[in-house]
């Protein structure tokens, strides 16, 4: 606060404005990162053996058309999905992946979206 006080006393109003603006930008960055998460989005997941659509519903509800349900969490950097069991051949599993913010139609390859770490092509479709 002493530095800020000195700048004001020396007539550095422009510097103070720049400093305040910089602080606001830094304070808003984490909130903006949170807003780019998966909520409300739909992805197509393609593996060698399977293809399905994954939906990230508000409130952390996960649904896909295999059909599997579960929960998801996003901390601004990592997406974690807990996928419920679908019988003895498809047990419950949890996967966490570094977040990739995609536009509709964009894709990337990942080993983090499957229970066994198999390669998958992830495409945002909604």
N, C-alpha and C. Protein backbone atom coordinates (compact mmCIF):
# COMPACT_ATOMS: atom_id res chain seq x y z
N UNK A 1 0.82 -1.19 0.00
CA UNK A 1 0.00 0.00 0.00
C UNK A 1 0.86 1.25 0.00
N UNK A 2 2.05 1.16 0.58
CA UNK A 2 2.94 2.32 0.62
C UNK A 2 3.35 2.73 -0.78
N UNK A 3 3.66 1.76 -1.65
CA UNK A 3 4.04 2.05 -3.03
C UNK A 3 2.88 2.74 -3.75
N UNK A 4 1.69 2.25 -3.56
CA UNK A 4 0.52 2.85 -4.18
C UNK A 4 0.34 4.29 -3.68
N UNK A 5 0.51 4.51 -2.39
CA UNK A 5 0.37 5.85 -1.81
C UNK A 5 1.41 6.79 -2.41
N UNK A 6 2.66 6.33 -2.55
CA UNK A 6 3.71 7.17 -3.13
C UNK A 6 3.39 7.53 -4.58
N UNK A 7 2.87 6.56 -5.34
CA UNK A 7 2.55 6.82 -6.73
C UNK A 7 1.46 7.89 -6.84
N UNK A 8 0.48 7.81 -5.98
CA UNK A 8 -0.60 8.80 -6.00
C UNK A 8 -0.06 10.17 -5.64
N UNK A 9 0.78 10.24 -4.62
CA UNK A 9 1.34 11.53 -4.18
C UNK A 9 2.23 12.13 -5.24
N UNK A 10 2.91 11.32 -6.05
CA UNK A 10 3.81 11.84 -7.07
C UNK A 10 3.07 12.11 -8.38
N UNK A 11 1.77 11.99 -8.38
CA UNK A 11 1.00 12.29 -9.58
C UNK A 11 0.98 11.16 -10.59
N UNK A 12 1.20 9.98 -10.15
CA UNK A 12 1.25 8.83 -11.06
C UNK A 12 -0.11 8.19 -11.25
N UNK A 13 -1.09 9.00 -11.54
CA UNK A 13 -2.45 8.48 -11.70
C UNK A 13 -2.53 7.45 -12.83
N UNK A 14 -1.79 7.67 -13.92
CA UNK A 14 -1.80 6.72 -15.03
C UNK A 14 -1.21 5.38 -14.58
N UNK A 15 -0.16 5.45 -13.78
CA UNK A 15 0.46 4.22 -13.28
C UNK A 15 -0.49 3.48 -12.34
N UNK A 16 -1.18 4.23 -11.52
CA UNK A 16 -2.14 3.62 -10.60
C UNK A 16 -3.25 2.93 -11.39
N UNK A 17 -3.73 3.61 -12.43
CA UNK A 17 -4.77 3.01 -13.27
C UNK A 17 -4.29 1.72 -13.91
N UNK A 18 -3.07 1.72 -14.40
CA UNK A 18 -2.50 0.52 -15.03
C UNK A 18 -2.35 -0.59 -14.00
N UNK A 19 -1.92 -0.23 -12.79
CA UNK A 19 -1.76 -1.22 -11.73
C UNK A 19 -3.10 -1.83 -11.33
N UNK A 20 -4.11 -1.00 -11.19
CA UNK A 20 -5.44 -1.50 -10.84
C UNK A 20 -5.98 -2.40 -11.94
N UNK A 21 -5.80 -1.99 -13.20
CA UNK A 21 -6.25 -2.80 -14.33
C UNK A 21 -5.54 -4.16 -14.34
N UNK A 22 -4.24 -4.16 -14.11
CA UNK A 22 -3.48 -5.42 -14.08
C UNK A 22 -4.00 -6.34 -12.97
N UNK A 23 -4.28 -5.77 -11.81
CA UNK A 23 -4.81 -6.57 -10.70
C UNK A 23 -6.18 -7.16 -11.05
N UNK A 24 -7.03 -6.39 -11.70
CA UNK A 24 -8.35 -6.88 -12.09
C UNK A 24 -8.23 -8.02 -13.10
N UNK A 25 -7.33 -7.88 -14.06
CA UNK A 25 -7.14 -8.93 -15.06
C UNK A 25 -6.67 -10.21 -14.40
N UNK A 26 -5.70 -10.10 -13.49
CA UNK A 26 -5.20 -11.29 -12.79
C UNK A 26 -6.27 -11.92 -11.92
N UNK A 27 -7.09 -11.10 -11.29
CA UNK A 27 -8.14 -11.62 -10.42
C UNK A 27 -9.22 -12.32 -11.23
N UNK A 28 -9.48 -11.89 -12.45
CA UNK A 28 -10.54 -12.49 -13.27
C UNK A 28 -10.09 -13.75 -13.99
N UNK A 29 -8.81 -13.95 -14.21
CA UNK A 29 -8.34 -15.09 -14.99
C UNK A 29 -8.81 -16.43 -14.46
N UNK A 30 -8.69 -16.75 -13.16
CA UNK A 30 -9.16 -18.05 -12.69
C UNK A 30 -10.67 -18.24 -12.91
N UNK A 31 -11.44 -17.18 -12.75
CA UNK A 31 -12.89 -17.30 -12.96
C UNK A 31 -13.19 -17.61 -14.42
N UNK A 32 -12.45 -17.00 -15.33
CA UNK A 32 -12.67 -17.28 -16.74
C UNK A 32 -12.30 -18.72 -17.07
N UNK A 33 -11.23 -19.25 -16.48
CA UNK A 33 -10.84 -20.63 -16.73
C UNK A 33 -11.95 -21.58 -16.27
N UNK A 34 -12.58 -21.28 -15.16
CA UNK A 34 -13.66 -22.12 -14.66
C UNK A 34 -14.83 -22.15 -15.65
N UNK A 35 -15.10 -21.04 -16.31
CA UNK A 35 -16.26 -20.94 -17.19
C UNK A 35 -16.08 -21.74 -18.47
N UNK A 36 -14.86 -22.15 -18.82
CA UNK A 36 -14.63 -22.89 -20.05
C UNK A 36 -14.69 -24.40 -19.84
N UNK A 37 -15.22 -24.84 -18.74
CA UNK A 37 -15.28 -26.27 -18.44
C UNK A 37 -16.29 -27.00 -19.30
N UNK A 38 -16.55 -28.26 -18.97
CA UNK A 38 -17.38 -29.12 -19.81
C UNK A 38 -18.89 -28.94 -19.65
N UNK A 39 -19.33 -28.23 -18.64
CA UNK A 39 -20.77 -28.16 -18.36
C UNK A 39 -21.58 -27.74 -19.57
N UNK A 40 -22.60 -28.55 -19.88
CA UNK A 40 -23.49 -28.28 -20.99
C UNK A 40 -22.96 -28.72 -22.35
N UNK A 41 -21.79 -29.30 -22.37
CA UNK A 41 -21.17 -29.70 -23.63
C UNK A 41 -21.38 -31.19 -23.91
N UNK A 42 -21.24 -31.53 -25.20
CA UNK A 42 -21.41 -32.91 -25.64
C UNK A 42 -20.21 -33.28 -26.51
N UNK A 43 -19.66 -34.47 -26.27
CA UNK A 43 -18.49 -34.95 -27.00
C UNK A 43 -18.75 -36.32 -27.59
N UNK A 44 -18.19 -36.55 -28.76
CA UNK A 44 -18.17 -37.89 -29.32
C UNK A 44 -16.82 -38.51 -28.95
N UNK A 45 -16.87 -39.73 -28.41
CA UNK A 45 -15.66 -40.44 -28.02
C UNK A 45 -15.55 -41.68 -28.90
N UNK A 46 -14.47 -41.80 -29.67
CA UNK A 46 -14.26 -42.94 -30.56
C UNK A 46 -12.99 -43.68 -30.16
N UNK A 47 -13.13 -44.98 -29.94
CA UNK A 47 -11.99 -45.85 -29.70
C UNK A 47 -11.98 -46.91 -30.80
N UNK A 48 -11.01 -47.80 -30.77
CA UNK A 48 -10.98 -48.88 -31.75
C UNK A 48 -12.21 -49.77 -31.66
N UNK A 49 -12.72 -49.96 -30.44
CA UNK A 49 -13.82 -50.89 -30.20
C UNK A 49 -15.17 -50.25 -29.98
N UNK A 50 -15.22 -48.94 -29.78
CA UNK A 50 -16.45 -48.32 -29.32
C UNK A 50 -16.57 -46.89 -29.82
N UNK A 51 -17.78 -46.40 -29.87
CA UNK A 51 -18.05 -45.00 -30.17
C UNK A 51 -19.29 -44.61 -29.37
N UNK A 52 -19.22 -43.50 -28.66
CA UNK A 52 -20.37 -43.06 -27.87
C UNK A 52 -20.36 -41.56 -27.72
N UNK A 53 -21.49 -41.02 -27.30
CA UNK A 53 -21.65 -39.59 -27.06
C UNK A 53 -21.70 -39.35 -25.56
N UNK A 54 -20.83 -38.48 -25.06
CA UNK A 54 -20.76 -38.16 -23.63
C UNK A 54 -21.33 -36.76 -23.41
N UNK A 55 -22.25 -36.65 -22.43
CA UNK A 55 -22.89 -35.38 -22.09
C UNK A 55 -22.52 -34.98 -20.67
N UNK A 56 -22.16 -33.70 -20.51
CA UNK A 56 -21.79 -33.16 -19.21
C UNK A 56 -22.90 -32.22 -18.75
N UNK A 57 -23.82 -32.76 -18.00
CA UNK A 57 -25.00 -32.04 -17.55
C UNK A 57 -24.64 -31.09 -16.40
N UNK A 58 -25.41 -30.02 -16.21
CA UNK A 58 -25.20 -29.14 -15.06
C UNK A 58 -25.28 -29.93 -13.75
N UNK A 59 -24.55 -29.46 -12.77
CA UNK A 59 -24.57 -30.11 -11.46
C UNK A 59 -23.66 -31.31 -11.36
N UNK A 60 -22.81 -31.53 -12.36
CA UNK A 60 -21.84 -32.62 -12.29
C UNK A 60 -22.39 -33.97 -12.70
N UNK A 61 -23.48 -34.01 -13.46
CA UNK A 61 -24.06 -35.27 -13.90
C UNK A 61 -23.48 -35.65 -15.26
N UNK A 62 -22.95 -36.88 -15.35
CA UNK A 62 -22.40 -37.42 -16.59
C UNK A 62 -23.37 -38.44 -17.16
N UNK A 63 -23.60 -38.39 -18.48
CA UNK A 63 -24.44 -39.38 -19.15
C UNK A 63 -23.83 -39.66 -20.52
N UNK A 64 -23.89 -40.94 -20.94
CA UNK A 64 -23.50 -41.24 -22.31
C UNK A 64 -24.49 -42.23 -22.90
N UNK A 65 -24.35 -42.49 -24.16
CA UNK A 65 -25.35 -43.33 -24.82
C UNK A 65 -24.93 -44.80 -24.94
N UNK A 66 -24.06 -45.28 -24.03
CA UNK A 66 -23.70 -46.71 -24.04
C UNK A 66 -24.76 -47.58 -23.39
N UNK A 67 -25.57 -47.31 -22.49
CA UNK A 67 -25.74 -46.13 -21.63
C UNK A 67 -24.98 -46.29 -20.30
N UNK A 68 -24.25 -45.26 -19.95
CA UNK A 68 -23.55 -45.19 -18.66
C UNK A 68 -23.86 -43.83 -18.05
N UNK A 69 -23.87 -43.79 -16.74
CA UNK A 69 -24.08 -42.53 -16.01
C UNK A 69 -22.94 -42.36 -15.02
N UNK A 70 -22.89 -41.20 -14.42
CA UNK A 70 -21.85 -40.96 -13.42
C UNK A 70 -21.82 -39.52 -13.00
N UNK A 71 -20.68 -39.13 -12.48
CA UNK A 71 -20.46 -37.76 -11.98
C UNK A 71 -19.19 -37.22 -12.62
N UNK A 72 -19.14 -35.90 -12.76
CA UNK A 72 -17.92 -35.26 -13.23
C UNK A 72 -17.59 -34.07 -12.34
N UNK A 73 -16.29 -33.74 -12.28
CA UNK A 73 -15.81 -32.57 -11.54
C UNK A 73 -14.77 -31.87 -12.39
N UNK A 74 -14.75 -30.56 -12.28
CA UNK A 74 -13.79 -29.76 -13.03
C UNK A 74 -13.23 -28.69 -12.10
N UNK A 75 -11.91 -28.63 -11.98
CA UNK A 75 -11.28 -27.66 -11.07
C UNK A 75 -10.66 -26.47 -11.79
N UNK A 76 -10.95 -26.33 -13.08
CA UNK A 76 -10.36 -25.25 -13.85
C UNK A 76 -9.19 -25.71 -14.68
N UNK A 77 -8.64 -26.88 -14.36
CA UNK A 77 -7.49 -27.41 -15.10
C UNK A 77 -7.65 -28.89 -15.45
N UNK A 78 -8.36 -29.63 -14.60
CA UNK A 78 -8.48 -31.07 -14.77
C UNK A 78 -9.94 -31.48 -14.72
N UNK A 79 -10.34 -32.33 -15.65
CA UNK A 79 -11.68 -32.92 -15.68
C UNK A 79 -11.57 -34.34 -15.16
N UNK A 80 -12.35 -34.67 -14.12
CA UNK A 80 -12.41 -36.03 -13.60
C UNK A 80 -13.83 -36.56 -13.77
N UNK A 81 -13.91 -37.81 -14.23
CA UNK A 81 -15.20 -38.45 -14.46
C UNK A 81 -15.24 -39.76 -13.69
N UNK A 82 -16.27 -39.95 -12.90
CA UNK A 82 -16.52 -41.22 -12.21
C UNK A 82 -17.70 -41.86 -12.92
N UNK A 83 -17.43 -42.92 -13.66
CA UNK A 83 -18.43 -43.57 -14.50
C UNK A 83 -18.96 -44.79 -13.74
N UNK A 84 -20.27 -44.85 -13.54
CA UNK A 84 -20.90 -45.91 -12.75
C UNK A 84 -20.78 -47.26 -13.44
N UNK A 85 -20.86 -48.31 -12.65
CA UNK A 85 -20.81 -49.67 -13.17
C UNK A 85 -22.02 -49.96 -14.06
N UNK A 86 -21.77 -50.78 -15.08
CA UNK A 86 -22.85 -51.19 -15.97
C UNK A 86 -22.82 -52.71 -16.08
N UNK A 87 -22.85 -53.36 -14.93
CA UNK A 87 -22.80 -54.82 -14.90
C UNK A 87 -21.38 -55.32 -14.67
N UNK A 88 -21.23 -56.63 -14.52
CA UNK A 88 -19.92 -57.19 -14.18
C UNK A 88 -18.87 -57.04 -15.29
N UNK A 89 -19.30 -56.88 -16.53
CA UNK A 89 -18.34 -56.74 -17.63
C UNK A 89 -17.87 -55.31 -17.80
N UNK A 90 -18.56 -54.36 -17.21
CA UNK A 90 -18.21 -52.95 -17.32
C UNK A 90 -18.27 -52.31 -15.94
N UNK A 91 -17.23 -52.52 -15.12
CA UNK A 91 -17.25 -52.01 -13.75
C UNK A 91 -17.10 -50.49 -13.69
N UNK A 92 -17.35 -49.94 -12.51
CA UNK A 92 -17.16 -48.50 -12.27
C UNK A 92 -15.69 -48.15 -12.49
N UNK A 93 -15.46 -46.97 -13.02
CA UNK A 93 -14.08 -46.51 -13.18
C UNK A 93 -14.04 -44.99 -13.09
N UNK A 94 -12.85 -44.48 -12.78
CA UNK A 94 -12.63 -43.03 -12.70
C UNK A 94 -11.45 -42.68 -13.59
N UNK A 95 -11.61 -41.63 -14.35
CA UNK A 95 -10.52 -41.11 -15.18
C UNK A 95 -10.42 -39.61 -14.98
N UNK A 96 -9.21 -39.11 -15.04
CA UNK A 96 -8.97 -37.67 -14.96
C UNK A 96 -8.08 -37.28 -16.13
N UNK A 97 -8.39 -36.15 -16.74
CA UNK A 97 -7.66 -35.70 -17.91
C UNK A 97 -7.38 -34.21 -17.82
N UNK A 98 -6.20 -33.79 -18.27
CA UNK A 98 -5.97 -32.35 -18.38
C UNK A 98 -7.03 -31.76 -19.31
N UNK A 99 -7.57 -30.61 -18.96
CA UNK A 99 -8.66 -30.02 -19.72
C UNK A 99 -8.16 -29.44 -21.04
N UNK A 100 -8.87 -29.73 -22.11
CA UNK A 100 -8.64 -29.15 -23.43
C UNK A 100 -9.94 -28.48 -23.84
N UNK A 101 -9.91 -27.18 -23.97
CA UNK A 101 -11.11 -26.43 -24.35
C UNK A 101 -11.24 -26.44 -25.87
N UNK A 102 -12.23 -27.16 -26.37
CA UNK A 102 -12.43 -27.31 -27.81
C UNK A 102 -13.63 -26.50 -28.28
N UNK A 103 -13.55 -26.02 -29.49
CA UNK A 103 -14.70 -25.42 -30.16
C UNK A 103 -15.48 -26.57 -30.79
N UNK A 104 -16.75 -26.33 -31.13
CA UNK A 104 -17.56 -27.36 -31.77
C UNK A 104 -16.88 -27.76 -33.08
N UNK A 105 -16.74 -29.10 -33.26
CA UNK A 105 -16.09 -29.65 -34.44
C UNK A 105 -14.62 -29.95 -34.26
N UNK A 106 -13.98 -29.40 -33.24
CA UNK A 106 -12.56 -29.68 -33.00
C UNK A 106 -12.38 -31.01 -32.30
N UNK A 107 -11.22 -31.66 -32.54
CA UNK A 107 -10.92 -32.97 -31.97
C UNK A 107 -9.50 -33.00 -31.43
N UNK A 108 -9.24 -33.99 -30.60
CA UNK A 108 -7.88 -34.32 -30.18
C UNK A 108 -7.85 -35.78 -29.76
N UNK A 109 -6.65 -36.34 -29.73
CA UNK A 109 -6.47 -37.74 -29.32
C UNK A 109 -6.00 -37.78 -27.88
N UNK A 110 -6.54 -38.74 -27.12
CA UNK A 110 -6.23 -38.84 -25.69
C UNK A 110 -6.26 -40.30 -25.23
N UNK A 111 -5.50 -40.60 -24.21
CA UNK A 111 -5.57 -41.90 -23.55
C UNK A 111 -6.22 -41.78 -22.17
N UNK A 112 -6.70 -40.59 -21.84
CA UNK A 112 -7.25 -40.33 -20.50
C UNK A 112 -8.75 -40.52 -20.40
N UNK A 113 -9.45 -40.77 -21.48
CA UNK A 113 -10.92 -40.84 -21.44
C UNK A 113 -11.43 -42.27 -21.28
N UNK A 114 -10.57 -43.26 -21.29
CA UNK A 114 -11.02 -44.65 -21.22
C UNK A 114 -10.49 -45.32 -19.97
N UNK A 115 -11.20 -46.35 -19.53
CA UNK A 115 -10.83 -47.05 -18.31
C UNK A 115 -9.46 -47.72 -18.42
N UNK A 116 -9.13 -48.25 -19.57
CA UNK A 116 -7.87 -48.96 -19.76
C UNK A 116 -6.76 -48.09 -20.33
N UNK A 117 -7.03 -46.83 -20.56
CA UNK A 117 -6.03 -45.94 -21.14
C UNK A 117 -5.82 -46.17 -22.63
N UNK A 118 -6.84 -46.70 -23.29
CA UNK A 118 -6.76 -46.93 -24.73
C UNK A 118 -6.86 -45.60 -25.48
N UNK A 119 -6.27 -45.53 -26.66
CA UNK A 119 -6.38 -44.29 -27.44
C UNK A 119 -7.83 -43.99 -27.80
N UNK A 120 -8.19 -42.74 -27.73
CA UNK A 120 -9.55 -42.31 -28.07
C UNK A 120 -9.46 -40.98 -28.81
N UNK A 121 -10.37 -40.79 -29.73
CA UNK A 121 -10.51 -39.52 -30.45
C UNK A 121 -11.68 -38.78 -29.84
N UNK A 122 -11.45 -37.60 -29.28
CA UNK A 122 -12.46 -36.81 -28.61
C UNK A 122 -12.84 -35.63 -29.51
N UNK A 123 -14.13 -35.53 -29.84
CA UNK A 123 -14.62 -34.45 -30.71
C UNK A 123 -15.77 -33.75 -30.02
N UNK A 124 -15.67 -32.44 -29.90
CA UNK A 124 -16.80 -31.69 -29.33
C UNK A 124 -17.87 -31.54 -30.41
N UNK A 125 -19.10 -31.99 -30.11
CA UNK A 125 -20.17 -31.91 -31.08
C UNK A 125 -21.29 -30.94 -30.67
N UNK A 126 -21.22 -30.45 -29.46
CA UNK A 126 -22.24 -29.48 -29.00
C UNK A 126 -21.70 -28.68 -27.84
